[in-house]
PDB file of N, CA and C in Angstrom:
ATOM      1  N   MET A   1     -27.399   9.627  -3.232  1.00  0.00           N
ATOM      2  CA  MET A   1     -26.633  10.645  -3.945  1.00  0.00           C
ATOM      3  C   MET A   1     -27.108  12.008  -3.462  1.00  0.00           C
ATOM      4  N   LYS A   2     -26.170  12.826  -3.049  1.00  0.00           N
ATOM      5  CA  LYS A   2     -26.537  14.088  -2.440  1.00  0.00           C
ATOM      6  C   LYS A   2     -26.764  15.227  -3.421  1.00  0.00           C
ATOM      7  N   HIS A   3     -26.435  15.046  -4.694  1.00  0.00           N
ATOM      8  CA  HIS A   3     -26.587  16.127  -5.666  1.00  0.00           C
ATOM      9  C   HIS A   3     -27.814  15.948  -6.559  1.00  0.00           C
ATOM     10  N   ILE A   4     -28.781  15.179  -6.103  1.00  0.00           N
ATOM     11  CA  ILE A   4     -29.993  14.948  -6.875  1.00  0.00           C
ATOM     12  C   ILE A   4     -31.159  15.664  -6.200  1.00  0.00           C
ATOM     13  N   THR A   5     -31.929  16.348  -7.009  1.00  0.00           N
ATOM     14  CA  THR A   5     -33.169  16.937  -6.523  1.00  0.00           C
ATOM     15  C   THR A   5     -34.285  16.527  -7.464  1.00  0.00           C
ATOM     16  N   LYS A   6     -35.486  16.534  -6.950  1.00  0.00           N
ATOM     17  CA  LYS A   6     -36.638  16.182  -7.765  1.00  0.00           C
ATOM     18  C   LYS A   6     -37.409  17.456  -8.074  1.00  0.00           C
ATOM     19  N   ARG A   7     -37.648  17.676  -9.341  1.00  0.00           N
ATOM     20  CA  ARG A   7     -38.398  18.845  -9.777  1.00  0.00           C
ATOM     21  C   ARG A   7     -39.618  18.326 -10.524  1.00  0.00           C
ATOM     22  N   GLY A   8     -40.757  18.458  -9.893  1.00  0.00           N
ATOM     23  CA  GLY A   8     -41.959  17.862 -10.462  1.00  0.00           C
ATOM     24  C   GLY A   8     -41.862  16.353 -10.340  1.00  0.00           C
ATOM     25  N   THR A   9     -41.931  15.676 -11.474  1.00  0.00           N
ATOM     26  CA  THR A   9     -41.807  14.214 -11.461  1.00  0.00           C
ATOM     27  C   THR A   9     -40.435  13.748 -11.919  1.00  0.00           C
ATOM     28  N   ARG A  10     -39.589  14.671 -12.336  1.00  0.00           N
ATOM     29  CA  ARG A  10     -38.271  14.327 -12.878  1.00  0.00           C
ATOM     30  C   ARG A  10     -37.150  14.723 -11.928  1.00  0.00           C
ATOM     31  N   TYR A  11     -36.038  14.029 -12.062  1.00  0.00           N
ATOM     32  CA  TYR A  11     -34.870  14.319 -11.237  1.00  0.00           C
ATOM     33  C   TYR A  11     -33.882  15.187 -12.010  1.00  0.00           C
ATOM     34  N   GLN A  12     -33.086  15.919 -11.254  1.00  0.00           N
ATOM     35  CA  GLN A  12     -32.012  16.686 -11.857  1.00  0.00           C
ATOM     36  C   GLN A  12     -30.789  16.672 -10.961  1.00  0.00           C
ATOM     37  N   TYR A  13     -29.648  16.879 -11.594  1.00  0.00           N
ATOM     38  CA  TYR A  13     -28.365  16.932 -10.906  1.00  0.00           C
ATOM     39  C   TYR A  13     -28.046  18.397 -10.666  1.00  0.00           C
ATOM     40  N   VAL A  14     -27.813  18.763  -9.411  1.00  0.00           N
ATOM     41  CA  VAL A  14     -27.504  20.147  -9.053  1.00  0.00           C
ATOM     42  C   VAL A  14     -26.257  20.142  -8.193  1.00  0.00           C
ATOM     43  N   ARG A  15     -25.299  20.994  -8.578  1.00  0.00           N
ATOM     44  CA  ARG A  15     -24.027  21.038  -7.859  1.00  0.00           C
ATOM     45  C   ARG A  15     -23.536  22.475  -7.793  1.00  0.00           C
ATOM     46  N   ARG A  16     -23.116  22.890  -6.642  1.00  0.00           N
ATOM     47  CA  ARG A  16     -22.550  24.229  -6.468  1.00  0.00           C
ATOM     48  C   ARG A  16     -21.078  24.206  -6.872  1.00  0.00           C
ATOM     49  N   VAL A  17     -20.677  25.235  -7.611  1.00  0.00           N
ATOM     50  CA  VAL A  17     -19.277  25.379  -8.006  1.00  0.00           C
ATOM     51  C   VAL A  17     -18.510  25.864  -6.783  1.00  0.00           C
ATOM     52  N   PRO A  18     -17.356  25.274  -6.485  1.00  0.00           N
ATOM     53  CA  PRO A  18     -16.562  25.733  -5.338  1.00  0.00           C
ATOM     54  C   PRO A  18     -16.226  27.222  -5.452  1.00  0.00           C
ATOM     55  N   ILE A  19     -16.147  27.886  -4.323  1.00  0.00           N
ATOM     56  CA  ILE A  19     -15.934  29.332  -4.283  1.00  0.00           C
ATOM     57  C   ILE A  19     -14.692  29.747  -5.069  1.00  0.00           C
ATOM     58  N   GLU A  20     -13.615  28.983  -4.937  1.00  0.00           N
ATOM     59  CA  GLU A  20     -12.372  29.380  -5.607  1.00  0.00           C
ATOM     60  C   GLU A  20     -12.438  29.239  -7.136  1.00  0.00           C
ATOM     61  N   LEU A  21     -13.457  28.562  -7.648  1.00  0.00           N
ATOM     62  CA  LEU A  21     -13.604  28.389  -9.094  1.00  0.00           C
ATOM     63  C   LEU A  21     -14.768  29.177  -9.691  1.00  0.00           C
ATOM     64  N   GLN A  22     -15.555  29.819  -8.865  1.00  0.00           N
ATOM     65  CA  GLN A  22     -16.771  30.470  -9.348  1.00  0.00           C
ATOM     66  C   GLN A  22     -16.518  31.583 -10.357  1.00  0.00           C
ATOM     67  N   ASP A  23     -15.381  32.252 -10.278  1.00  0.00           N
ATOM     68  CA  ASP A  23     -15.106  33.331 -11.222  1.00  0.00           C
ATOM     69  C   ASP A  23     -14.891  32.817 -12.647  1.00  0.00           C
ATOM     70  N   ARG A  24     -14.674  31.538 -12.823  1.00  0.00           N
ATOM     71  CA  ARG A  24     -14.447  30.953 -14.143  1.00  0.00           C
ATOM     72  C   ARG A  24     -15.721  30.421 -14.784  1.00  0.00           C
ATOM     73  N   PHE A  25     -16.777  30.280 -14.011  1.00  0.00           N
ATOM     74  CA  PHE A  25     -18.022  29.697 -14.504  1.00  0.00           C
ATOM     75  C   PHE A  25     -19.081  30.772 -14.733  1.00  0.00           C
ATOM     76  N   PRO A  26     -19.980  30.539 -15.685  1.00  0.00           N
ATOM     77  CA  PRO A  26     -21.037  31.520 -15.938  1.00  0.00           C
ATOM     78  C   PRO A  26     -22.078  31.587 -14.817  1.00  0.00           C
ATOM     79  N   SER A  27     -22.160  30.536 -14.022  1.00  0.00           N
ATOM     80  CA  SER A  27     -23.137  30.478 -12.936  1.00  0.00           C
ATOM     81  C   SER A  27     -22.507  29.750 -11.754  1.00  0.00           C
ATOM     82  N   PRO A  28     -22.876  30.115 -10.517  1.00  0.00           N
ATOM     83  CA  PRO A  28     -22.308  29.418  -9.361  1.00  0.00           C
ATOM     84  C   PRO A  28     -22.914  28.033  -9.124  1.00  0.00           C
ATOM     85  N   ILE A  29     -23.929  27.688  -9.920  1.00  0.00           N
ATOM     86  CA  ILE A  29     -24.595  26.392  -9.768  1.00  0.00           C
ATOM     87  C   ILE A  29     -24.603  25.664 -11.101  1.00  0.00           C
ATOM     88  N   ILE A  30     -24.239  24.399 -11.069  1.00  0.00           N
ATOM     89  CA  ILE A  30     -24.312  23.535 -12.249  1.00  0.00           C
ATOM     90  C   ILE A  30     -25.580  22.702 -12.107  1.00  0.00           C
ATOM     91  N   SER A  31     -26.398  22.711 -13.126  1.00  0.00           N
ATOM     92  CA  SER A  31     -27.655  21.974 -13.090  1.00  0.00           C
ATOM     93  C   SER A  31     -27.826  21.209 -14.396  1.00  0.00           C
ATOM     94  N   ARG A  32     -28.152  19.944 -14.279  1.00  0.00           N
ATOM     95  CA  ARG A  32     -28.396  19.104 -15.453  1.00  0.00           C
ATOM     96  C   ARG A  32     -29.693  18.327 -15.247  1.00  0.00           C
ATOM     97  N   ARG A  33     -30.542  18.365 -16.236  1.00  0.00           N
ATOM     98  CA  ARG A  33     -31.765  17.564 -16.173  1.00  0.00           C
ATOM     99  C   ARG A  33     -31.412  16.108 -16.452  1.00  0.00           C
ATOM    100  N   LEU A  34     -31.900  15.213 -15.622  1.00  0.00           N
ATOM    101  CA  LEU A  34     -31.618  13.794 -15.796  1.00  0.00           C
ATOM    102  C   LEU A  34     -32.670  13.099 -16.649  1.00  0.00           C
ATOM    103  N   LYS A  35     -33.782  13.775 -16.893  1.00  0.00           N
ATOM    104  CA  LYS A  35     -34.842  13.297 -17.794  1.00  0.00           C
ATOM    105  C   LYS A  35     -35.385  11.918 -17.418  1.00  0.00           C
ATOM    106  N   THR A  36     -35.512  11.676 -16.127  1.00  0.00           N
ATOM    107  CA  THR A  36     -36.071  10.409 -15.671  1.00  0.00           C
ATOM    108  C   THR A  36     -36.834  10.621 -14.373  1.00  0.00           C
ATOM    109  N   SER A  37     -37.816   9.774 -14.157  1.00  0.00           N
ATOM    110  CA  SER A  37     -38.543   9.795 -12.893  1.00  0.00           C
ATOM    111  C   SER A  37     -38.188   8.577 -12.038  1.00  0.00           C
ATOM    112  N   ASP A  38     -37.292   7.738 -12.541  1.00  0.00           N
ATOM    113  CA  ASP A  38     -36.831   6.552 -11.823  1.00  0.00           C
ATOM    114  C   ASP A  38     -35.631   6.932 -10.956  1.00  0.00           C
ATOM    115  N   LYS A  39     -35.770   6.783  -9.649  1.00  0.00           N
ATOM    116  CA  LYS A  39     -34.724   7.217  -8.732  1.00  0.00           C
ATOM    117  C   LYS A  39     -33.417   6.433  -8.902  1.00  0.00           C
ATOM    118  N   LYS A  40     -33.493   5.134  -9.131  1.00  0.00           N
ATOM    119  CA  LYS A  40     -32.276   4.340  -9.302  1.00  0.00           C
ATOM    120  C   LYS A  40     -31.504   4.774 -10.550  1.00  0.00           C
ATOM    121  N   TYR A  41     -32.212   5.003 -11.630  1.00  0.00           N
ATOM    122  CA  TYR A  41     -31.565   5.452 -12.862  1.00  0.00           C
ATOM    123  C   TYR A  41     -31.009   6.860 -12.689  1.00  0.00           C
ATOM    124  N   ALA A  42     -31.737   7.706 -11.971  1.00  0.00           N
ATOM    125  CA  ALA A  42     -31.266   9.069 -11.698  1.00  0.00           C
ATOM    126  C   ALA A  42     -29.979   9.030 -10.887  1.00  0.00           C
ATOM    127  N   ASN A  43     -29.893   8.141  -9.911  1.00  0.00           N
ATOM    128  CA  ASN A  43     -28.657   7.991  -9.128  1.00  0.00           C
ATOM    129  C   ASN A  43     -27.486   7.553 -10.003  1.00  0.00           C
ATOM    130  N   LEU A  44     -27.744   6.661 -10.931  1.00  0.00           N
ATOM    131  CA  LEU A  44     -26.705   6.194 -11.838  1.00  0.00           C
ATOM    132  C   LEU A  44     -26.210   7.341 -12.726  1.00  0.00           C
ATOM    133  N   LEU A  45     -27.129   8.097 -13.305  1.00  0.00           N
ATOM    134  CA  LEU A  45     -26.749   9.232 -14.143  1.00  0.00           C
ATOM    135  C   LEU A  45     -26.021  10.300 -13.339  1.00  0.00           C
ATOM    136  N   ALA A  46     -26.518  10.578 -12.153  1.00  0.00           N
ATOM    137  CA  ALA A  46     -25.903  11.604 -11.311  1.00  0.00           C
ATOM    138  C   ALA A  46     -24.498  11.208 -10.891  1.00  0.00           C
ATOM    139  N   THR A  47     -24.262   9.938 -10.674  1.00  0.00           N
ATOM    140  CA  THR A  47     -22.917   9.471 -10.337  1.00  0.00           C
ATOM    141  C   THR A  47     -21.954   9.758 -11.486  1.00  0.00           C
ATOM    142  N   SER A  48     -22.410   9.542 -12.695  1.00  0.00           N
ATOM    143  CA  SER A  48     -21.585   9.836 -13.865  1.00  0.00           C
ATOM    144  C   SER A  48     -21.309  11.332 -13.973  1.00  0.00           C
ATOM    145  N   TYR A  49     -22.343  12.160 -13.819  1.00  0.00           N
ATOM    146  CA  TYR A  49     -22.166  13.613 -13.869  1.00  0.00           C
ATOM    147  C   TYR A  49     -21.262  14.098 -12.736  1.00  0.00           C
ATOM    148  N   ASP A  50     -21.403  13.491 -11.572  1.00  0.00           N
ATOM    149  CA  ASP A  50     -20.582  13.885 -10.437  1.00  0.00           C
ATOM    150  C   ASP A  50     -19.104  13.596 -10.709  1.00  0.00           C
ATOM    151  N   TYR A  51     -18.822  12.466 -11.308  1.00  0.00           N
ATOM    152  CA  TYR A  51     -17.440  12.115 -11.654  1.00  0.00           C
ATOM    153  C   TYR A  51     -16.882  13.120 -12.661  1.00  0.00           C
ATOM    154  N   GLN A  52     -17.661  13.437 -13.692  1.00  0.00           N
ATOM    155  CA  GLN A  52     -17.224  14.406 -14.705  1.00  0.00           C
ATOM    156  C   GLN A  52     -16.980  15.780 -14.095  1.00  0.00           C
ATOM    157  N   THR A  53     -17.859  16.168 -13.191  1.00  0.00           N
ATOM    158  CA  THR A  53     -17.732  17.471 -12.545  1.00  0.00           C
ATOM    159  C   THR A  53     -16.490  17.529 -11.671  1.00  0.00           C
ATOM    160  N   GLU A  54     -16.240  16.478 -10.913  1.00  0.00           N
ATOM    161  CA  GLU A  54     -15.032  16.423 -10.076  1.00  0.00           C
ATOM    162  C   GLU A  54     -13.764  16.475 -10.933  1.00  0.00           C
ATOM    163  N   GLN A  55     -13.785  15.796 -12.065  1.00  0.00           N
ATOM    164  CA  GLN A  55     -12.629  15.823 -12.970  1.00  0.00           C
ATOM    165  C   GLN A  55     -12.396  17.237 -13.498  1.00  0.00           C
ATOM    166  N   LEU A  56     -13.463  17.921 -13.850  1.00  0.00           N
ATOM    167  CA  LEU A  56     -13.352  19.298 -14.326  1.00  0.00           C
ATOM    168  C   LEU A  56     -12.783  20.206 -13.244  1.00  0.00           C
ATOM    169  N   PHE A  57     -13.310  20.107 -12.033  1.00  0.00           N
ATOM    170  CA  PHE A  57     -12.804  20.920 -10.922  1.00  0.00           C
ATOM    171  C   PHE A  57     -11.332  20.633 -10.664  1.00  0.00           C
ATOM    172  N   MET A  58     -10.936  19.369 -10.715  1.00  0.00           N
ATOM    173  CA  MET A  58      -9.558  18.995 -10.470  1.00  0.00           C
ATOM    174  C   MET A  58      -8.636  19.605 -11.532  1.00  0.00           C
ATOM    175  N   ARG A  59      -9.052  19.537 -12.790  1.00  0.00           N
ATOM    176  CA  ARG A  59      -8.230  20.110 -13.868  1.00  0.00           C
ATOM    177  C   ARG A  59      -8.080  21.616 -13.709  1.00  0.00           C
ATOM    178  N   LEU A  60      -9.155  22.274 -13.301  1.00  0.00           N
ATOM    179  CA  LEU A  60      -9.091  23.723 -13.138  1.00  0.00           C
ATOM    180  C   LEU A  60      -8.244  24.120 -11.929  1.00  0.00           C
ATOM    181  N   ARG A  61      -8.248  23.310 -10.901  1.00  0.00           N
ATOM    182  CA  ARG A  61      -7.472  23.620  -9.692  1.00  0.00           C
ATOM    183  C   ARG A  61      -5.970  23.426  -9.889  1.00  0.00           C
ATOM    184  N   THR A  62      -5.559  22.636 -10.863  1.00  0.00           N
ATOM    185  CA  THR A  62      -4.137  22.392 -11.063  1.00  0.00           C
ATOM    186  C   THR A  62      -3.398  23.639 -11.517  1.00  0.00           C
ATOM    187  N   ALA A  63      -4.097  24.590 -12.087  1.00  0.00           N
ATOM    188  CA  ALA A  63      -3.521  25.850 -12.577  1.00  0.00           C
ATOM    189  C   ALA A  63      -2.453  25.617 -13.632  1.00  0.00           C
ATOM    190  N   MET A  64      -2.548  24.521 -14.330  1.00  0.00           N
ATOM    191  CA  MET A  64      -1.589  24.228 -15.390  1.00  0.00           C
ATOM    192  C   MET A  64      -2.154  24.534 -16.774  1.00  0.00           C
ATOM    193  N   LEU A  65      -3.402  24.984 -16.824  1.00  0.00           N
ATOM    194  CA  LEU A  65      -4.059  25.262 -18.095  1.00  0.00           C
ATOM    195  C   LEU A  65      -4.075  26.760 -18.366  1.00  0.00           C
ATOM    196  N   ASP A  66      -3.950  27.110 -19.630  1.00  0.00           N
ATOM    197  CA  ASP A  66      -4.081  28.530 -19.961  1.00  0.00           C
ATOM    198  C   ASP A  66      -5.569  28.898 -19.991  1.00  0.00           C
ATOM    199  N   SER A  67      -5.860  30.166 -20.060  1.00  0.00           N
ATOM    200  CA  SER A  67      -7.252  30.631 -19.955  1.00  0.00           C
ATOM    201  C   SER A  67      -8.115  30.147 -21.122  1.00  0.00           C
ATOM    202  N   VAL A  68      -7.535  30.032 -22.301  1.00  0.00           N
ATOM    203  CA  VAL A  68      -8.298  29.556 -23.461  1.00  0.00           C
ATOM    204  C   VAL A  68      -8.714  28.102 -23.258  1.00  0.00           C
ATOM    205  N   THR A  69      -7.808  27.276 -22.789  1.00  0.00           N
ATOM    206  CA  THR A  69      -8.114  25.867 -22.543  1.00  0.00           C
ATOM    207  C   THR A  69      -9.148  25.720 -21.436  1.00  0.00           C
ATOM    208  N   GLU A  70      -9.038  26.532 -20.394  1.00  0.00           N
ATOM    209  CA  GLU A  70     -10.030  26.503 -19.320  1.00  0.00           C
ATOM    210  C   GLU A  70     -11.415  26.822 -19.858  1.00  0.00           C
ATOM    211  N   LYS A  71     -11.512  27.869 -20.660  1.00  0.00           N
ATOM    212  CA  LYS A  71     -12.812  28.256 -21.229  1.00  0.00           C
ATOM    213  C   LYS A  71     -13.373  27.153 -22.122  1.00  0.00           C
ATOM    214  N   LEU A  72     -12.514  26.510 -22.900  1.00  0.00           N
ATOM    215  CA  LEU A  72     -12.965  25.410 -23.745  1.00  0.00           C
ATOM    216  C   LEU A  72     -13.486  24.237 -22.918  1.00  0.00           C
ATOM    217  N   LEU A  73     -12.776  23.897 -21.855  1.00  0.00           N
ATOM    218  CA  LEU A  73     -13.235  22.799 -20.984  1.00  0.00           C
ATOM    219  C   LEU A  73     -14.600  23.111 -20.370  1.00  0.00           C
ATOM    220  N   ILE A  74     -14.759  24.325 -19.878  1.00  0.00           N
ATOM    221  CA  ILE A  74     -16.028  24.703 -19.257  1.00  0.00           C
ATOM    222  C   ILE A  74     -17.150  24.743 -20.284  1.00  0.00           C
ATOM    223  N   THR A  75     -16.875  25.273 -21.473  1.00  0.00           N
ATOM    224  CA  THR A  75     -17.877  25.326 -22.526  1.00  0.00           C
ATOM    225  C   THR A  75     -18.264  23.922 -22.964  1.00  0.00           C
ATOM    226  N   PHE A  76     -17.279  23.050 -23.111  1.00  0.00           N
ATOM    227  CA  PHE A  76     -17.545  21.668 -23.495  1.00  0.00           C
ATOM    228  C   PHE A  76     -18.388  20.958 -22.439  1.00  0.00           C
ATOM    229  N   TYR A  77     -18.123  21.250 -21.181  1.00  0.00           N
ATOM    230  CA  TYR A  77     -18.877  20.620 -20.092  1.00  0.00           C
ATOM    231  C   TYR A  77     -20.354  21.020 -20.141  1.00  0.00           C
ATOM    232  N   TYR A  78     -20.612  22.310 -20.395  1.00  0.00           N
ATOM    233  CA  TYR A  78     -21.993  22.774 -20.468  1.00  0.00           C
ATOM    234  C   TYR A  78     -22.619  22.325 -21.767  1.00  0.00           C
TER     235      TYR A  78
END
């Protein structure tokens, strides 16, 4: 999994927000602590986060949502 980094003894999920969506996010980087030191479990968790993140990006790229709904989706994700 390419979006996993190890910080100390624990893994975390780190993903850069695409340039075309960065103006909608509070930070250009999404980071989630995976709270595990087991690499296999970290890969499993990161796969789930990666799927959720891709779904969020896809919804935002469709441009079918109003600004309030976009903000709610991003807030809910964080």
